[in-house]
Amino acid sequence: MTALALPFPKKSTPSKASFDLGPAARTLVSIACFTMSFLVIIALGRAAFGMVDNLHHYAKLPIIIHVATVLPAIPLGGYLLLAKKGTPQHKQLGKIWLVLMLVTATSAIFIQSTGGFSFIHIFVPVTFHAAWKTVATARKGDIAGHKKHLVFTYLTALMIPGIFAFVLPGRLMNVMLLG
């Protein structure tokens, strides 16, 4: 007997690298990333073109470090959540993003405009905890948990404080965007 080859495609095994966010989460992350990145570009543009007065009192090292690390974390985090997962590039960029987030959170400890901590500082321990859980779940191979913690971290430790930075009067992004 001879085997007859059928014209059906062979079942392929799923590759390790994949897109793992559902449509609702992808949409939410996309909108959050685009909107926050757009607002940052507008705010920085206004400041760069001299459209904002009195930025000199924001020129303190913790604020400079905070802004310098959070700005690339916004689009990088969005890219990582939307791009293929599990690739060497994803892993390297993920490590960079995590360091950016930890430096951002650490620098926030030293930013105290009213002489003490404000309610927005609650995101510092949230970020530290989420970073630890992100690494722990990835090392255990718990990809579902890893994904859950990263989406949570991106939205709660980056986007929510970012929204507050734009809407609360006197905060740097508010001053740069609205004058």
Foldseek 3Di string as FASTA:
>chain_A
DDDDDDPDDDDDDDDPWDQPDDPVLLVVLVVLLVVLLVLVVLLVVCVVVPVFPDCVVCPDVLSVLLCVLLNVLSNLLSCLNGDIPDDPVSVVSVVSSLVSLLSNLVSLCVDDPPPHDDPLNVLSVVSVVLSVQLVVCVVVVVVVSNSVSSSCCNCPNRRVVSVVQCPPPPRSSVRSNVD
